[in-house]
Amino acid sequence: MIMRTVIGLAFLLLINCTNEFNPVGAGPEVRLGNEFTVTPGTVISISGEQLTVHFVTVSEDSRCPTDVRCVWSGNAKIGIRLVKSGLTEQAIELNTHLQPQEDDYLSYHIRLIALDPQPPSNGVIDLSDYKVSLLVEHTP
């Protein structure tokens, strides 16, 4: 009986590890072609497409602080992962002001619309405070 329980728990753990980035039904759903906002660590499902978008990180943020006058607006770079059920996951980096601000995955086109909040001059933004607005459409 104990052995059967241990085997069952090991099987559940194995399933959980292999589905760390669950492509179907992973989180809130949005419709293809509709702009959506997501926070780091959140996985969004694209309704009816078996496609998920995972906002992973902000790897750099040199944007001009809100209370400073800058010569250049700066740039922030985000990392996202996309996966269509049963297919290979792809990591993509998008920028707020430099290229690329958009990219393709399979037959989908993803574009970074905005990253909030703007940085303050007197501090650093915690990763959990970021919100990114994205748009996913079929490739033109």
Protein backbone atom coordinates (compact mmCIF):
# COMPACT_ATOMS: atom_id res chain seq x y z
CA MET A 1 0.00 0.00 0.00
CA ILE A 2 2.78 2.43 0.88
CA MET A 3 4.67 1.53 -2.30
CA ARG A 4 1.56 2.18 -4.39
CA THR A 5 1.15 5.61 -2.73
CA VAL A 6 4.82 6.47 -3.34
CA ILE A 7 4.55 5.44 -7.00
CA GLY A 8 1.35 7.48 -7.37
CA LEU A 9 2.98 10.56 -5.84
CA ALA A 10 6.07 10.13 -8.05
CA PHE A 11 3.82 9.90 -11.12
CA LEU A 12 1.97 13.09 -10.14
CA LEU A 13 5.28 14.85 -9.52
CA LEU A 14 6.56 13.72 -12.94
CA ILE A 15 3.43 15.03 -14.65
CA ASN A 16 3.71 18.32 -12.78
CA CYS A 17 7.38 18.74 -13.75
CA THR A 18 6.81 18.02 -17.42
CA ASN A 19 3.87 20.45 -17.51
CA GLU A 20 5.67 23.34 -15.81
CA PHE A 21 4.62 25.54 -18.72
CA ASN A 22 1.17 24.14 -19.34
CA PRO A 23 0.07 25.27 -22.80
CA VAL A 24 -3.66 24.62 -22.53
CA GLY A 25 -5.92 26.26 -20.01
CA ALA A 26 -2.95 27.68 -18.12
CA GLY A 27 -4.48 30.96 -17.04
CA PRO A 28 -6.83 33.76 -18.00
CA GLU A 29 -8.05 33.68 -21.59
CA VAL A 30 -7.99 36.52 -24.09
CA ARG A 31 -9.17 36.64 -27.67
CA LEU A 32 -6.75 36.72 -30.57
CA GLY A 33 -6.44 40.30 -31.84
CA ASN A 34 -7.37 41.88 -28.48
CA GLU A 35 -4.76 43.83 -26.54
CA PHE A 36 -4.20 42.43 -23.03
CA THR A 37 -2.19 43.34 -19.95
CA VAL A 38 -0.25 40.78 -17.95
CA THR A 39 2.08 40.73 -14.93
CA PRO A 40 5.33 38.74 -14.64
CA GLY A 41 4.84 35.05 -14.02
CA THR A 42 1.31 35.04 -15.41
CA VAL A 43 0.41 32.74 -18.28
CA ILE A 44 -2.33 33.91 -20.65
CA SER A 45 -4.24 31.52 -22.92
CA ILE A 46 -5.30 32.76 -26.33
CA SER A 47 -8.91 31.61 -26.67
CA GLY A 48 -9.51 28.89 -29.27
CA GLU A 49 -5.87 28.80 -30.40
CA GLN A 50 -4.22 26.39 -27.91
CA LEU A 51 -1.57 29.11 -27.57
CA THR A 52 -0.18 30.53 -24.34
CA VAL A 53 1.87 33.63 -23.62
CA HIS A 54 3.99 33.76 -20.46
CA PHE A 55 5.46 37.11 -19.35
CA VAL A 56 8.73 35.96 -17.77
CA THR A 57 10.88 38.97 -16.95
CA VAL A 58 12.06 42.52 -17.52
CA SER A 59 15.74 41.96 -18.27
CA GLU A 60 16.65 45.64 -18.51
CA ASP A 61 14.99 48.98 -17.93
CA SER A 62 16.86 52.17 -18.80
CA ARG A 63 13.77 54.22 -19.62
CA CYS A 64 13.75 57.88 -18.63
CA PRO A 65 12.34 58.33 -15.10
CA THR A 66 8.98 60.08 -14.88
CA ASP A 67 10.33 63.05 -12.94
CA VAL A 68 13.45 63.65 -15.07
CA ARG A 69 13.89 65.40 -18.41
CA CYS A 70 15.95 63.12 -20.68
CA VAL A 71 17.56 63.54 -24.10
CA TRP A 72 16.66 59.93 -24.96
CA SER A 73 13.62 57.99 -23.79
CA GLY A 74 15.66 54.90 -22.93
CA ASN A 75 14.60 51.31 -23.42
CA ALA A 76 13.20 48.37 -21.50
CA LYS A 77 13.51 44.74 -22.61
CA ILE A 78 11.03 42.04 -21.64
CA GLY A 79 11.23 38.29 -21.97
CA ILE A 80 8.19 36.20 -22.90
CA ARG A 81 7.61 32.57 -23.79
CA LEU A 82 5.06 31.33 -26.30
CA VAL A 83 3.92 27.78 -26.87
CA LYS A 84 1.23 26.17 -28.95
CA SER A 85 -0.09 22.90 -27.54
CA GLY A 86 2.15 20.02 -28.55
CA LEU A 87 4.74 22.23 -30.28
CA THR A 88 8.08 23.72 -29.31
CA GLU A 89 8.16 26.62 -26.87
CA GLN A 90 9.88 29.80 -28.05
CA ALA A 91 11.48 32.50 -25.92
CA ILE A 92 11.22 36.03 -27.33
CA GLU A 93 12.67 39.33 -26.18
CA LEU A 94 10.85 42.55 -27.06
CA ASN A 95 11.83 46.18 -26.51
CA THR A 96 9.89 49.32 -25.69
CA HIS A 97 11.93 51.67 -27.93
CA LEU A 98 14.63 49.62 -29.69
CA GLN A 99 14.04 46.81 -32.16
CA PRO A 100 12.49 44.31 -32.03
CA GLN A 101 9.24 45.56 -30.60
CA GLU A 102 7.40 42.70 -32.26
CA ASP A 103 8.16 39.16 -33.44
CA ASP A 104 6.56 36.06 -34.94
CA TYR A 105 5.95 32.59 -33.53
CA LEU A 106 4.53 30.01 -35.94
CA SER A 107 1.53 31.76 -37.55
CA TYR A 108 1.26 34.37 -34.79
CA HIS A 109 2.54 37.92 -34.55
CA ILE A 110 3.16 39.38 -31.06
CA ARG A 111 3.73 43.06 -30.37
CA LEU A 112 4.75 44.92 -27.21
CA ILE A 113 2.32 47.83 -26.78
CA ALA A 114 3.42 49.28 -23.42
CA LEU A 115 5.33 48.54 -20.23
CA ASP A 116 4.26 50.12 -16.95
CA PRO A 117 5.10 51.67 -14.63
CA GLN A 118 7.65 54.19 -15.84
CA PRO A 119 10.70 54.13 -13.56
CA PRO A 120 11.02 56.74 -10.80
CA SER A 121 14.32 58.56 -10.38
CA ASN A 122 14.58 57.61 -6.73
CA GLY A 123 14.17 53.86 -6.88
CA VAL A 124 13.99 50.57 -8.66
CA ILE A 125 10.82 48.87 -9.82
CA ASP A 126 10.22 45.45 -8.32
CA LEU A 127 9.62 42.81 -11.02
CA SER A 128 6.19 42.01 -9.56
CA ASP A 129 5.09 45.64 -10.08
CA TYR A 130 5.53 45.58 -13.87
CA LYS A 131 2.59 45.21 -16.25
CA VAL A 132 3.04 44.66 -19.96
CA SER A 133 0.42 45.25 -22.64
CA LEU A 134 0.70 42.87 -25.59
CA LEU A 135 -1.18 42.14 -28.78
CA VAL A 136 -1.23 38.72 -30.45
CA GLU A 137 -2.63 38.38 -33.97
CA HIS A 138 -2.26 36.00 -36.89
CA THR A 139 0.85 36.74 -38.93
CA PRO A 140 0.01 39.28 -41.66
